[in-house]
């Protein structure tokens, strides 16, 4: 019963105070197991394109509940590339 989950969080960008989005995928083997195979998909500001490493110490963010993400056999690297390309189009 292996399931994949998409995690999203939004912070304020250090450069422009716009929405800085962080996305990752993780796998759970069953309902009560810890998440494994965590893969960062991307981190970017939707306004200015800033790709800061992480949210600053005083930068509180919004963490959205994990969403079950049904994989169709697509490689995670492909999903990561598609996420980054989508974010690049928003600038």
PDB file of N, CA and C in Angstrom:
ATOM      1  N   UNK A   1       0.834  -1.190   0.000  1.00  0.00           N
ATOM      2  CA  UNK A   1       0.000   0.000   0.000  1.00  0.00           C
ATOM      3  C   UNK A   1       0.875   1.248   0.000  1.00  0.00           C
ATOM      4  N   UNK A   2       1.890   1.262  -0.788  1.00  0.00           N
ATOM      5  CA  UNK A   2       2.830   2.372  -0.900  1.00  0.00           C
ATOM      6  C   UNK A   2       2.144   3.564  -1.577  1.00  0.00           C
ATOM      7  N   UNK A   3       2.194   4.735  -0.923  1.00  0.00           N
ATOM      8  CA  UNK A   3       1.566   5.935  -1.473  1.00  0.00           C
ATOM      9  C   UNK A   3       2.566   7.088  -1.480  1.00  0.00           C
ATOM     10  N   UNK A   4       2.425   7.933  -2.475  1.00  0.00           N
ATOM     11  CA  UNK A   4       3.299   9.089  -2.621  1.00  0.00           C
ATOM     12  C   UNK A   4       2.515  10.348  -2.249  1.00  0.00           C
ATOM     13  N   UNK A   5       3.174  11.292  -1.561  1.00  0.00           N
ATOM     14  CA  UNK A   5       2.523  12.520  -1.103  1.00  0.00           C
ATOM     15  C   UNK A   5       3.294  13.750  -1.564  1.00  0.00           C
ATOM     16  N   UNK A   6       2.547  14.750  -2.011  1.00  0.00           N
ATOM     17  CA  UNK A   6       3.109  16.031  -2.403  1.00  0.00           C
ATOM     18  C   UNK A   6       2.996  16.988  -1.225  1.00  0.00           C
ATOM     19  N   UNK A   7       4.105  17.638  -0.876  1.00  0.00           N
ATOM     20  CA  UNK A   7       4.138  18.621   0.210  1.00  0.00           C
ATOM     21  C   UNK A   7       4.403  19.995  -0.388  1.00  0.00           C
ATOM     22  N   UNK A   8       3.609  20.986   0.022  1.00  0.00           N
ATOM     23  CA  UNK A   8       3.789  22.364  -0.427  1.00  0.00           C
ATOM     24  C   UNK A   8       3.849  23.294   0.776  1.00  0.00           C
ATOM     25  N   UNK A   9       4.711  24.282   0.680  1.00  0.00           N
ATOM     26  CA  UNK A   9       4.800  25.318   1.712  1.00  0.00           C
ATOM     27  C   UNK A   9       5.073  26.647   1.006  1.00  0.00           C
ATOM     28  N   UNK A  10       4.591  27.722   1.588  1.00  0.00           N
ATOM     29  CA  UNK A  10       4.813  29.054   1.020  1.00  0.00           C
ATOM     30  C   UNK A  10       5.359  29.974   2.104  1.00  0.00           C
ATOM     31  N   UNK A  11       6.364  30.741   1.749  1.00  0.00           N
ATOM     32  CA  UNK A  11       7.017  31.707   2.641  1.00  0.00           C
ATOM     33  C   UNK A  11       7.080  33.049   1.934  1.00  0.00           C
ATOM     34  N   UNK A  12       7.543  34.064   2.651  1.00  0.00           N
ATOM     35  CA  UNK A  12       7.800  35.370   2.025  1.00  0.00           C
ATOM     36  C   UNK A  12       9.233  35.366   1.491  1.00  0.00           C
ATOM     37  N   UNK A  13       9.381  35.845   0.281  1.00  0.00           N
ATOM     38  CA  UNK A  13      10.698  35.933  -0.347  1.00  0.00           C
ATOM     39  C   UNK A  13      11.552  36.968   0.380  1.00  0.00           C
ATOM     40  N   UNK A  14      12.820  36.650   0.596  1.00  0.00           N
ATOM     41  CA  UNK A  14      13.735  37.588   1.246  1.00  0.00           C
ATOM     42  C   UNK A  14      13.988  38.822   0.383  1.00  0.00           C
ATOM     43  N   UNK A  15      13.884  38.671  -0.915  1.00  0.00           N
ATOM     44  CA  UNK A  15      14.205  39.762  -1.825  1.00  0.00           C
ATOM     45  C   UNK A  15      13.028  40.709  -2.064  1.00  0.00           C
ATOM     46  N   UNK A  16      11.816  40.146  -2.342  1.00  0.00           N
ATOM     47  CA  UNK A  16      10.696  41.005  -2.748  1.00  0.00           C
ATOM     48  C   UNK A  16       9.431  40.832  -1.902  1.00  0.00           C
ATOM     49  N   UNK A  17       9.456  39.964  -0.901  1.00  0.00           N
ATOM     50  CA  UNK A  17       8.294  39.645  -0.057  1.00  0.00           C
ATOM     51  C   UNK A  17       7.167  38.951  -0.808  1.00  0.00           C
ATOM     52  N   UNK A  18       7.445  38.459  -1.999  1.00  0.00           N
ATOM     53  CA  UNK A  18       6.451  37.702  -2.759  1.00  0.00           C
ATOM     54  C   UNK A  18       6.346  36.284  -2.221  1.00  0.00           C
ATOM     55  N   UNK A  19       5.446  35.465  -2.785  1.00  0.00           N
ATOM     56  CA  UNK A  19       5.299  34.081  -2.323  1.00  0.00           C
ATOM     57  C   UNK A  19       6.452  33.197  -2.794  1.00  0.00           C
ATOM     58  N   UNK A  20       7.184  32.667  -1.846  1.00  0.00           N
ATOM     59  CA  UNK A  20       8.296  31.759  -2.100  1.00  0.00           C
ATOM     60  C   UNK A  20       7.780  30.347  -1.857  1.00  0.00           C
ATOM     61  N   UNK A  21       7.721  29.511  -2.890  1.00  0.00           N
ATOM     62  CA  UNK A  21       7.093  28.192  -2.809  1.00  0.00           C
ATOM     63  C   UNK A  21       8.148  27.092  -2.742  1.00  0.00           C
ATOM     64  N   UNK A  22       7.906  26.138  -1.842  1.00  0.00           N
ATOM     65  CA  UNK A  22       8.780  24.975  -1.679  1.00  0.00           C
ATOM     66  C   UNK A  22       7.924  23.730  -1.883  1.00  0.00           C
ATOM     67  N   UNK A  23       8.394  22.796  -2.717  1.00  0.00           N
ATOM     68  CA  UNK A  23       7.633  21.573  -2.981  1.00  0.00           C
ATOM     69  C   UNK A  23       8.533  20.350  -2.857  1.00  0.00           C
ATOM     70  N   UNK A  24       7.948  19.259  -2.350  1.00  0.00           N
ATOM     71  CA  UNK A  24       8.685  18.001  -2.246  1.00  0.00           C
ATOM     72  C   UNK A  24       7.718  16.827  -2.360  1.00  0.00           C
ATOM     73  N   UNK A  25       8.265  15.670  -2.699  1.00  0.00           N
ATOM     74  CA  UNK A  25       7.506  14.424  -2.746  1.00  0.00           C
ATOM     75  C   UNK A  25       8.079  13.467  -1.723  1.00  0.00           C
ATOM     76  N   UNK A  26       7.224  12.676  -1.093  1.00  0.00           N
ATOM     77  CA  UNK A  26       7.664  11.675  -0.118  1.00  0.00           C
ATOM     78  C   UNK A  26       6.779  10.440  -0.251  1.00  0.00           C
ATOM     79  N   UNK A  27       7.291   9.315   0.217  1.00  0.00           N
ATOM     80  CA  UNK A  27       6.584   8.043   0.102  1.00  0.00           C
ATOM     81  C   UNK A  27       6.301   7.486   1.489  1.00  0.00           C
ATOM     82  N   UNK A  28       5.100   6.931   1.660  1.00  0.00           N
ATOM     83  CA  UNK A  28       4.741   6.199   2.880  1.00  0.00           C
ATOM     84  C   UNK A  28       4.426   4.760   2.479  1.00  0.00           C
ATOM     85  N   UNK A  29       4.978   3.822   3.222  1.00  0.00           N
ATOM     86  CA  UNK A  29       4.741   2.408   2.934  1.00  0.00           C
ATOM     87  C   UNK A  29       3.340   1.979   3.376  1.00  0.00           C
ATOM     88  N   UNK A  30       2.817   2.610   4.444  1.00  0.00           N
ATOM     89  CA  UNK A  30       1.449   2.349   4.905  1.00  0.00           C
ATOM     90  C   UNK A  30       0.951   3.577   5.654  1.00  0.00           C
ATOM     91  N   UNK A  31      -0.250   3.513   6.179  1.00  0.00           N
ATOM     92  CA  UNK A  31      -0.885   4.669   6.815  1.00  0.00           C
ATOM     93  C   UNK A  31      -0.115   5.223   8.015  1.00  0.00           C
ATOM     94  N   UNK A  32       0.573   4.366   8.764  1.00  0.00           N
ATOM     95  CA  UNK A  32       1.215   4.813   9.999  1.00  0.00           C
ATOM     96  C   UNK A  32       2.734   4.907   9.916  1.00  0.00           C
ATOM     97  N   UNK A  33       3.307   4.635   8.770  1.00  0.00           N
ATOM     98  CA  UNK A  33       4.760   4.672   8.650  1.00  0.00           C
ATOM     99  C   UNK A  33       5.263   6.102   8.437  1.00  0.00           C
ATOM    100  N   UNK A  34       6.536   6.297   8.742  1.00  0.00           N
ATOM    101  CA  UNK A  34       7.175   7.583   8.467  1.00  0.00           C
ATOM    102  C   UNK A  34       7.397   7.717   6.967  1.00  0.00           C
ATOM    103  N   UNK A  35       7.510   8.958   6.531  1.00  0.00           N
ATOM    104  CA  UNK A  35       7.767   9.181   5.110  1.00  0.00           C
ATOM    105  C   UNK A  35       9.233   8.914   4.788  1.00  0.00           C
ATOM    106  N   UNK A  36       9.446   8.285   3.649  1.00  0.00           N
ATOM    107  CA  UNK A  36      10.792   7.989   3.167  1.00  0.00           C
ATOM    108  C   UNK A  36      10.902   8.470   1.728  1.00  0.00           C
ATOM    109  N   UNK A  37      12.044   8.297   1.139  1.00  0.00           N
ATOM    110  CA  UNK A  37      12.282   8.682  -0.254  1.00  0.00           C
ATOM    111  C   UNK A  37      11.857  10.127  -0.509  1.00  0.00           C
ATOM    112  N   UNK A  38      12.243  11.026   0.388  1.00  0.00           N
ATOM    113  CA  UNK A  38      11.868  12.440   0.265  1.00  0.00           C
ATOM    114  C   UNK A  38      12.727  13.081  -0.827  1.00  0.00           C
ATOM    115  N   UNK A  39      12.062  13.741  -1.755  1.00  0.00           N
ATOM    116  CA  UNK A  39      12.744  14.369  -2.887  1.00  0.00           C
ATOM    117  C   UNK A  39      12.285  15.817  -3.021  1.00  0.00           C
ATOM    118  N   UNK A  40      13.220  16.750  -2.894  1.00  0.00           N
ATOM    119  CA  UNK A  40      12.896  18.161  -3.088  1.00  0.00           C
ATOM    120  C   UNK A  40      12.632  18.415  -4.569  1.00  0.00           C
ATOM    121  N   UNK A  41      11.502  19.044  -4.891  1.00  0.00           N
ATOM    122  CA  UNK A  41      11.161  19.335  -6.280  1.00  0.00           C
ATOM    123  C   UNK A  41      11.632  20.708  -6.705  1.00  0.00           C
ATOM    124  N   UNK A  42      11.541  21.678  -5.813  1.00  0.00           N
ATOM    125  CA  UNK A  42      11.964  23.015  -6.178  1.00  0.00           C
ATOM    126  C   UNK A  42      11.659  24.028  -5.104  1.00  0.00           C
ATOM    127  N   UNK A  43      12.374  25.149  -5.192  1.00  0.00           N
ATOM    128  CA  UNK A  43      12.190  26.276  -4.274  1.00  0.00           C
ATOM    129  C   UNK A  43      12.376  27.535  -5.101  1.00  0.00           C
ATOM    130  N   UNK A  44      11.315  28.347  -5.191  1.00  0.00           N
ATOM    131  CA  UNK A  44      11.436  29.554  -6.007  1.00  0.00           C
ATOM    132  C   UNK A  44      10.360  30.571  -5.626  1.00  0.00           C
ATOM    133  N   UNK A  45      10.698  31.852  -5.776  1.00  0.00           N
ATOM    134  CA  UNK A  45       9.732  32.930  -5.579  1.00  0.00           C
ATOM    135  C   UNK A  45       8.910  33.067  -6.854  1.00  0.00           C
ATOM    136  N   UNK A  46       7.597  33.098  -6.722  1.00  0.00           N
ATOM    137  CA  UNK A  46       6.723  33.201  -7.887  1.00  0.00           C
ATOM    138  C   UNK A  46       6.722  34.589  -8.511  1.00  0.00           C
ATOM    139  N   UNK A  47       7.232  35.599  -7.779  1.00  0.00           N
ATOM    140  CA  UNK A  47       7.230  36.970  -8.292  1.00  0.00           C
ATOM    141  C   UNK A  47       8.548  37.315  -8.974  1.00  0.00           C
ATOM    142  N   UNK A  48       9.652  37.147  -8.244  1.00  0.00           N
ATOM    143  CA  UNK A  48      10.941  37.596  -8.786  1.00  0.00           C
ATOM    144  C   UNK A  48      11.847  36.462  -9.257  1.00  0.00           C
ATOM    145  N   UNK A  49      11.479  35.226  -8.984  1.00  0.00           N
ATOM    146  CA  UNK A  49      12.295  34.101  -9.428  1.00  0.00           C
ATOM    147  C   UNK A  49      13.471  33.779  -8.531  1.00  0.00           C
ATOM    148  N   UNK A  50      13.566  34.449  -7.392  1.00  0.00           N
ATOM    149  CA  UNK A  50      14.650  34.202  -6.447  1.00  0.00           C
ATOM    150  C   UNK A  50      14.622  32.743  -6.016  1.00  0.00           C
ATOM    151  N   UNK A  51      15.789  32.113  -5.981  1.00  0.00           N
ATOM    152  CA  UNK A  51      15.879  30.707  -5.587  1.00  0.00           C
ATOM    153  C   UNK A  51      16.723  30.580  -4.327  1.00  0.00           C
ATOM    154  N   UNK A  52      16.302  31.277  -3.260  1.00  0.00           N
ATOM    155  CA  UNK A  52      17.037  31.233  -1.999  1.00  0.00           C
ATOM    156  C   UNK A  52      17.074  29.808  -1.465  1.00  0.00           C
ATOM    157  N   UNK A  53      18.070  29.501  -0.667  1.00  0.00           N
ATOM    158  CA  UNK A  53      18.262  28.137  -0.175  1.00  0.00           C
ATOM    159  C   UNK A  53      17.129  27.689   0.736  1.00  0.00           C
ATOM    160  N   UNK A  54      16.742  28.530   1.685  1.00  0.00           N
ATOM    161  CA  UNK A  54      15.671  28.174   2.621  1.00  0.00           C
ATOM    162  C   UNK A  54      15.065  29.440   3.200  1.00  0.00           C
ATOM    163  N   UNK A  55      13.971  29.276   3.890  1.00  0.00           N
ATOM    164  CA  UNK A  55      13.316  30.414   4.523  1.00  0.00           C
ATOM    165  C   UNK A  55      14.211  30.944   5.632  1.00  0.00           C
ATOM    166  N   UNK A  56      14.202  32.256   5.816  1.00  0.00           N
ATOM    167  CA  UNK A  56      15.028  32.839   6.863  1.00  0.00           C
ATOM    168  C   UNK A  56      14.465  32.492   8.233  1.00  0.00           C
ATOM    169  N   UNK A  57      15.267  32.691   9.242  1.00  0.00           N
ATOM    170  CA  UNK A  57      14.920  32.300  10.616  1.00  0.00           C
ATOM    171  C   UNK A  57      13.592  32.883  11.088  1.00  0.00           C
ATOM    172  N   UNK A  58      13.346  34.149  10.771  1.00  0.00           N
ATOM    173  CA  UNK A  58      12.137  34.817  11.250  1.00  0.00           C
ATOM    174  C   UNK A  58      10.996  34.772  10.239  1.00  0.00           C
ATOM    175  N   UNK A  59      11.195  34.039   9.177  1.00  0.00           N
ATOM    176  CA  UNK A  59      10.229  33.976   8.097  1.00  0.00           C
ATOM    177  C   UNK A  59       9.251  32.828   8.349  1.00  0.00           C
ATOM    178  N   UNK A  60       8.078  33.147   8.883  1.00  0.00           N
ATOM    179  CA  UNK A  60       7.085  32.104   9.135  1.00  0.00           C
ATOM    180  C   UNK A  60       6.342  31.807   7.839  1.00  0.00           C
ATOM    181  N   UNK A  61       6.055  30.561   7.627  1.00  0.00           N
ATOM    182  CA  UNK A  61       5.417  30.170   6.377  1.00  0.00           C
ATOM    183  C   UNK A  61       4.092  29.482   6.599  1.00  0.00           C
ATOM    184  N   UNK A  62       3.484  29.125   5.506  1.00  0.00           N
ATOM    185  CA  UNK A  62       2.229  28.375   5.498  1.00  0.00           C
ATOM    186  C   UNK A  62       2.531  26.986   4.945  1.00  0.00           C
ATOM    187  N   UNK A  63       2.266  25.985   5.751  1.00  0.00           N
ATOM    188  CA  UNK A  63       2.457  24.608   5.319  1.00  0.00           C
ATOM    189  C   UNK A  63       1.089  24.011   5.013  1.00  0.00           C
ATOM    190  N   UNK A  64       0.935  23.535   3.796  1.00  0.00           N
ATOM    191  CA  UNK A  64      -0.325  22.956   3.382  1.00  0.00           C
ATOM    192  C   UNK A  64      -0.334  21.462   3.695  1.00  0.00           C
ATOM    193  N   UNK A  65      -1.486  20.887   3.973  1.00  0.00           N
ATOM    194  CA  UNK A  65      -1.539  19.449   4.273  1.00  0.00           C
ATOM    195  C   UNK A  65      -1.008  18.637   3.091  1.00  0.00           C
ATOM    196  N   UNK A  66      -0.317  17.531   3.367  1.00  0.00           N
ATOM    197  CA  UNK A  66       0.168  16.684   2.273  1.00  0.00           C
ATOM    198  C   UNK A  66      -1.002  16.178   1.426  1.00  0.00           C
ATOM    199  N   UNK A  67      -0.745  16.080   0.136  1.00  0.00           N
ATOM    200  CA  UNK A  67      -1.751  15.632  -0.815  1.00  0.00           C
ATOM    201  C   UNK A  67      -1.285  14.314  -1.416  1.00  0.00           C
ATOM    202  N   UNK A  68      -2.155  13.309  -1.388  1.00  0.00           N
ATOM    203  CA  UNK A  68      -1.782  12.044  -2.020  1.00  0.00           C
ATOM    204  C   UNK A  68      -1.587  12.287  -3.510  1.00  0.00           C
ATOM    205  N   UNK A  69      -0.437  11.858  -4.019  1.00  0.00           N
ATOM    206  CA  UNK A  69      -0.080  12.115  -5.405  1.00  0.00           C
ATOM    207  C   UNK A  69       0.172  10.791  -6.093  1.00  0.00           C
ATOM    208  N   UNK A  70      -0.756  10.400  -6.923  1.00  0.00           N
ATOM    209  CA  UNK A  70      -0.658   9.112  -7.587  1.00  0.00           C
ATOM    210  C   UNK A  70       0.356   9.193  -8.727  1.00  0.00           C
ATOM    211  N   UNK A  71       1.398   8.424  -8.605  1.00  0.00           N
ATOM    212  CA  UNK A  71       2.439   8.394  -9.626  1.00  0.00           C
ATOM    213  C   UNK A  71       2.026   7.458 -10.747  1.00  0.00           C
ATOM    214  N   UNK A  72       2.301   7.874 -11.957  1.00  0.00           N
ATOM    215  CA  UNK A  72       1.966   7.047 -13.116  1.00  0.00           C
ATOM    216  C   UNK A  72       3.221   6.424 -13.716  1.00  0.00           C
ATOM    217  N   UNK A  73       4.171   6.133 -12.854  1.00  0.00           N
ATOM    218  CA  UNK A  73       5.407   5.526 -13.329  1.00  0.00           C
ATOM    219  C   UNK A  73       6.395   6.540 -13.881  1.00  0.00           C
ATOM    220  N   UNK A  74       6.116   7.831 -13.697  1.00  0.00           N
ATOM    221  CA  UNK A  74       7.008   8.877 -14.177  1.00  0.00           C
ATOM    222  C   UNK A  74       8.168   9.028 -13.203  1.00  0.00           C
ATOM    223  N   UNK A  75       9.348   9.196 -13.741  1.00  0.00           N
ATOM    224  CA  UNK A  75      10.543   9.381 -12.932  1.00  0.00           C
ATOM    225  C   UNK A  75      10.440  10.691 -12.141  1.00  0.00           C
ATOM    226  N   UNK A  76      10.866  10.669 -10.879  1.00  0.00           N
ATOM    227  CA  UNK A  76      10.800  11.856 -10.015  1.00  0.00           C
ATOM    228  C   UNK A  76      11.612  13.002 -10.623  1.00  0.00           C
ATOM    229  N   UNK A  77      12.720  12.707 -11.271  1.00  0.00           N
ATOM    230  CA  UNK A  77      13.533  13.753 -11.902  1.00  0.00           C
ATOM    231  C   UNK A  77      12.718  14.486 -12.969  1.00  0.00           C
ATOM    232  N   UNK A  78      11.864  13.760 -13.669  1.00  0.00           N
ATOM    233  CA  UNK A  78      11.004  14.377 -14.679  1.00  0.00           C
ATOM    234  C   UNK A  78       9.994  15.320 -14.022  1.00  0.00           C
ATOM    235  N   UNK A  79       9.410  14.900 -12.900  1.00  0.00           N
ATOM    236  CA  UNK A  79       8.461  15.741 -12.162  1.00  0.00           C
ATOM    237  C   UNK A  79       9.169  16.997 -11.668  1.00  0.00           C
ATOM    238  N   UNK A  80      10.380  16.829 -11.153  1.00  0.00           N
ATOM    239  CA  UNK A  80      11.159  17.958 -10.652  1.00  0.00           C
ATOM    240  C   UNK A  80      11.423  18.953 -11.775  1.00  0.00           C
ATOM    241  N   UNK A  81      11.824  18.468 -12.931  1.00  0.00           N
ATOM    242  CA  UNK A  81      12.099  19.337 -14.081  1.00  0.00           C
ATOM    243  C   UNK A  81      10.832  20.073 -14.513  1.00  0.00           C
ATOM    244  N   UNK A  82       9.701  19.369 -14.551  1.00  0.00           N
ATOM    245  CA  UNK A  82       8.437  19.984 -14.945  1.00  0.00           C
ATOM    246  C   UNK A  82       8.023  21.068 -13.954  1.00  0.00           C
ATOM    247  N   UNK A  83       8.233  20.833 -12.655  1.00  0.00           N
ATOM    248  CA  UNK A  83       7.896  21.815 -11.622  1.00  0.00           C
ATOM    249  C   UNK A  83       8.720  23.087 -11.818  1.00  0.00           C
ATOM    250  N   UNK A  84      10.012  22.932 -12.025  1.00  0.00           N
ATOM    251  CA  UNK A  84      10.892  24.089 -12.208  1.00  0.00           C
ATOM    252  C   UNK A  84      10.516  24.849 -13.476  1.00  0.00           C
ATOM    253  N   UNK A  85      10.221  24.137 -14.567  1.00  0.00           N
ATOM    254  CA  UNK A  85       9.813  24.793 -15.808  1.00  0.00           C
ATOM    255  C   UNK A  85       8.512  25.570 -15.624  1.00  0.00           C
ATOM    256  N   UNK A  86       7.558  24.993 -14.877  1.00  0.00           N
ATOM    257  CA  UNK A  86       6.296  25.665 -14.625  1.00  0.00           C
ATOM    258  C   UNK A  86       6.525  26.943 -13.829  1.00  0.00           C
ATOM    259  N   UNK A  87       7.386  26.873 -12.819  1.00  0.00           N
ATOM    260  CA  UNK A  87       7.658  28.057 -12.027  1.00  0.00           C
ATOM    261  C   UNK A  87       8.393  29.125 -12.842  1.00  0.00           C
ATOM    262  N   UNK A  88       9.263  28.711 -13.744  1.00  0.00           N
ATOM    263  CA  UNK A  88       9.964  29.671 -14.597  1.00  0.00           C
ATOM    264  C   UNK A  88       8.991  30.423 -15.506  1.00  0.00           C
ATOM    265  N   UNK A  89       7.912  29.771 -15.896  1.00  0.00           N
ATOM    266  CA  UNK A  89       6.915  30.421 -16.766  1.00  0.00           C
ATOM    267  C   UNK A  89       6.114  31.479 -16.034  1.00  0.00           C
ATOM    268  N   UNK A  90       6.075  31.416 -14.698  1.00  0.00           N
ATOM    269  CA  UNK A  90       5.275  32.377 -13.935  1.00  0.00           C
ATOM    270  C   UNK A  90       5.946  33.733 -13.825  1.00  0.00           C
ATOM    271  N   UNK A  91       7.206  33.813 -14.181  1.00  0.00           N
ATOM    272  CA  UNK A  91       7.916  35.103 -14.086  1.00  0.00           C
ATOM    273  C   UNK A  91       7.646  35.962 -15.264  1.00  0.00           C
TER     274      UNK A  91
END
